[in-house]
C-alpha cells in the first residue's frame, strides 16, 4: 500500500483492504510510505495513523480488520518477508500468519 491516500478516501482504502483480505489475506499486504520525489498530501505519520484507524472504519463498513491484521500490514509482513526480527507486539501475529499462509497453499 503506497500512494493510495492520493487517489481514494479513507473509506475507499479500507474497502480495498477488506477486498484484499477476502481474496488473498492481509498477511500478504505491506504498508509502504510514499516514493521519494513525489509530493505527498499527508505526512507519513498521518498516513500511518489513518491505516491504524481502519479497525474502526472496517466495522462501520460491515467488515472487520483486526488489530493483529493491522500489525501484519504495518510491519509484521515486511519483517517476515525480509527475515528480520519483528518488533514487540508484532512478532506473534507475523509468525502465526506465516502458518496460515502455508495452510492456504
C-alpha atoms as a PDB file:
ATOM      1  CA  UNK A   1       0.000   0.000   0.000  1.00  0.00           C
ATOM      2  CA  UNK A   2       1.721   3.125  -1.140  1.00  0.00           C
ATOM      3  CA  UNK A   3       0.339   6.367  -2.533  1.00  0.00           C
ATOM      4  CA  UNK A   4      -3.238   5.090  -2.105  1.00  0.00           C
ATOM      5  CA  UNK A   5      -4.107   8.111   0.021  1.00  0.00           C
ATOM      6  CA  UNK A   6      -3.716  10.360  -3.035  1.00  0.00           C
ATOM      7  CA  UNK A   7      -6.465   8.694  -5.065  1.00  0.00           C
ATOM      8  CA  UNK A   8      -9.006   7.429  -2.556  1.00  0.00           C
ATOM      9  CA  UNK A   9     -10.766   8.404   0.651  1.00  0.00           C
ATOM     10  CA  UNK A  10     -10.043   6.521   3.898  1.00  0.00           C
ATOM     11  CA  UNK A  11     -13.345   4.639   3.481  1.00  0.00           C
ATOM     12  CA  UNK A  12     -12.402   3.576  -0.063  1.00  0.00           C
ATOM     13  CA  UNK A  13      -8.947   2.460   1.058  1.00  0.00           C
ATOM     14  CA  UNK A  14     -10.452   0.469   3.918  1.00  0.00           C
ATOM     15  CA  UNK A  15     -12.921  -1.154   1.478  1.00  0.00           C
ATOM     16  CA  UNK A  16      -9.950  -2.094  -0.720  1.00  0.00           C
ATOM     17  CA  UNK A  17      -8.221  -3.700   2.274  1.00  0.00           C
ATOM     18  CA  UNK A  18     -11.379  -5.637   3.130  1.00  0.00           C
ATOM     19  CA  UNK A  19     -11.486  -6.826  -0.504  1.00  0.00           C
ATOM     20  CA  UNK A  20      -7.814  -7.886  -0.317  1.00  0.00           C
ATOM     21  CA  UNK A  21      -8.465  -9.628   2.993  1.00  0.00           C
ATOM     22  CA  UNK A  22     -11.197 -11.730   1.372  1.00  0.00           C
ATOM     23  CA  UNK A  23      -9.157 -12.521  -1.750  1.00  0.00           C
ATOM     24  CA  UNK A  24      -5.568 -13.033  -0.584  1.00  0.00           C
ATOM     25  CA  UNK A  25      -5.435 -12.332   3.154  1.00  0.00           C
ATOM     26  CA  UNK A  26      -3.854  -9.374   4.900  1.00  0.00           C
ATOM     27  CA  UNK A  27      -0.797 -11.488   5.645  1.00  0.00           C
ATOM     28  CA  UNK A  28       0.152 -10.681   2.013  1.00  0.00           C
ATOM     29  CA  UNK A  29      -0.265  -6.885   2.175  1.00  0.00           C
ATOM     30  CA  UNK A  30       2.510  -4.473   3.167  1.00  0.00           C
ATOM     31  CA  UNK A  31       2.205  -0.821   4.190  1.00  0.00           C
ATOM     32  CA  UNK A  32       4.645   1.477   2.455  1.00  0.00           C
ATOM     33  CA  UNK A  33       5.470   5.128   2.632  1.00  0.00           C
ATOM     34  CA  UNK A  34       5.367   7.286  -0.472  1.00  0.00           C
ATOM     35  CA  UNK A  35       8.049   7.102  -3.109  1.00  0.00           C
ATOM     36  CA  UNK A  36      10.863   9.641  -2.961  1.00  0.00           C
ATOM     37  CA  UNK A  37      10.365  12.673  -5.156  1.00  0.00           C
ATOM     38  CA  UNK A  38       6.561  12.515  -5.072  1.00  0.00           C
ATOM     39  CA  UNK A  39       4.773  15.414  -3.405  1.00  0.00           C
ATOM     40  CA  UNK A  40       2.517  13.947  -0.747  1.00  0.00           C
ATOM     41  CA  UNK A  41      -0.791  15.187   0.602  1.00  0.00           C
ATOM     42  CA  UNK A  42      -0.333  13.556   4.034  1.00  0.00           C
ATOM     43  CA  UNK A  43       2.725  13.170   6.199  1.00  0.00           C
ATOM     44  CA  UNK A  44       3.938   9.628   6.820  1.00  0.00           C
ATOM     45  CA  UNK A  45       2.576   9.843  10.375  1.00  0.00           C
ATOM     46  CA  UNK A  46      -0.850  10.978   9.126  1.00  0.00           C
ATOM     47  CA  UNK A  47      -0.917   8.142   6.562  1.00  0.00           C
ATOM     48  CA  UNK A  48       0.094   5.542   9.174  1.00  0.00           C
ATOM     49  CA  UNK A  49      -2.426   6.914  11.700  1.00  0.00           C
ATOM     50  CA  UNK A  50      -5.149   6.643   9.065  1.00  0.00           C
ATOM     51  CA  UNK A  51      -4.296   2.993   8.385  1.00  0.00           C
ATOM     52  CA  UNK A  52      -4.379   2.231  12.119  1.00  0.00           C
ATOM     53  CA  UNK A  53      -7.930   3.673  12.200  1.00  0.00           C
ATOM     54  CA  UNK A  54      -9.136   1.016   9.731  1.00  0.00           C
ATOM     55  CA  UNK A  55     -10.003  -1.288  12.633  1.00  0.00           C
ATOM     56  CA  UNK A  56     -12.893   1.053  13.491  1.00  0.00           C
ATOM     57  CA  UNK A  57     -13.707   2.100   9.921  1.00  0.00           C
ATOM     58  CA  UNK A  58     -13.947  -1.533   8.782  1.00  0.00           C
ATOM     59  CA  UNK A  59     -16.673  -2.167  11.375  1.00  0.00           C
ATOM     60  CA  UNK A  60     -18.643   0.829  10.088  1.00  0.00           C
ATOM     61  CA  UNK A  61     -18.387  -0.691   6.604  1.00  0.00           C
ATOM     62  CA  UNK A  62     -19.709  -4.052   7.790  1.00  0.00           C
ATOM     63  CA  UNK A  63     -16.380  -5.864   7.809  1.00  0.00           C
ATOM     64  CA  UNK A  64     -13.571  -6.463  10.243  1.00  0.00           C
ATOM     65  CA  UNK A  65      -9.875  -5.713  10.154  1.00  0.00           C
ATOM     66  CA  UNK A  66      -8.374  -6.844  13.438  1.00  0.00           C
ATOM     67  CA  UNK A  67      -5.536  -5.300  15.419  1.00  0.00           C
ATOM     68  CA  UNK A  68      -3.426  -8.360  14.597  1.00  0.00           C
ATOM     69  CA  UNK A  69      -4.051  -7.919  10.864  1.00  0.00           C
ATOM     70  CA  UNK A  70      -3.106  -4.249  11.065  1.00  0.00           C
ATOM     71  CA  UNK A  71       0.099  -5.206  12.889  1.00  0.00           C
ATOM     72  CA  UNK A  72       0.930  -7.530   9.998  1.00  0.00           C
ATOM     73  CA  UNK A  73       0.238  -4.872   7.355  1.00  0.00           C
ATOM     74  CA  UNK A  74       2.090  -2.175   9.293  1.00  0.00           C
ATOM     75  CA  UNK A  75       5.329  -4.092   9.745  1.00  0.00           C
ATOM     76  CA  UNK A  76       4.914  -7.753  10.592  1.00  0.00           C
ATOM     77  CA  UNK A  77       4.607  -8.901   6.976  1.00  0.00           C
ATOM     78  CA  UNK A  78       7.611  -6.881   5.833  1.00  0.00           C
ATOM     79  CA  UNK A  79       9.689  -8.174   8.743  1.00  0.00           C
ATOM     80  CA  UNK A  80       8.689 -11.756   7.940  1.00  0.00           C
ATOM     81  CA  UNK A  81       9.462 -11.330   4.226  1.00  0.00           C
ATOM     82  CA  UNK A  82      12.898  -9.918   4.959  1.00  0.00           C
ATOM     83  CA  UNK A  83      13.566 -12.373   7.793  1.00  0.00           C
ATOM     84  CA  UNK A  84      14.009  -9.512  10.263  1.00  0.00           C
ATOM     85  CA  UNK A  85      13.428  -9.693  13.971  1.00  0.00           C
ATOM     86  CA  UNK A  86       9.868  -8.488  14.468  1.00  0.00           C
ATOM     87  CA  UNK A  87       9.062  -5.580  16.779  1.00  0.00           C
ATOM     88  CA  UNK A  88       7.497  -6.238  20.168  1.00  0.00           C
ATOM     89  CA  UNK A  89       3.773  -6.748  19.766  1.00  0.00           C
ATOM     90  CA  UNK A  90       4.048  -7.797  16.135  1.00  0.00           C
ATOM     91  CA  UNK A  91       6.075 -10.991  16.274  1.00  0.00           C
ATOM     92  CA  UNK A  92       3.346 -13.375  17.352  1.00  0.00           C
ATOM     93  CA  UNK A  93       0.999 -12.104  14.660  1.00  0.00           C
ATOM     94  CA  UNK A  94       3.636 -12.338  11.962  1.00  0.00           C
ATOM     95  CA  UNK A  95       4.633 -15.861  12.972  1.00  0.00           C
ATOM     96  CA  UNK A  96       1.055 -17.114  13.160  1.00  0.00           C
ATOM     97  CA  UNK A  97       0.190 -15.614   9.778  1.00  0.00           C
ATOM     98  CA  UNK A  98       3.055 -17.455   8.109  1.00  0.00           C
ATOM     99  CA  UNK A  99       1.428 -20.650   9.375  1.00  0.00           C
ATOM    100  CA  UNK A 100      -1.881 -19.526   7.845  1.00  0.00           C
ATOM    101  CA  UNK A 101      -0.132 -18.849   4.538  1.00  0.00           C
ATOM    102  CA  UNK A 102       1.173 -22.419   4.475  1.00  0.00           C
ATOM    103  CA  UNK A 103      -2.350 -23.740   5.039  1.00  0.00           C
ATOM    104  CA  UNK A 104      -3.651 -21.764   2.016  1.00  0.00           C
ATOM    105  CA  UNK A 105      -1.094 -23.140  -0.448  1.00  0.00           C
END
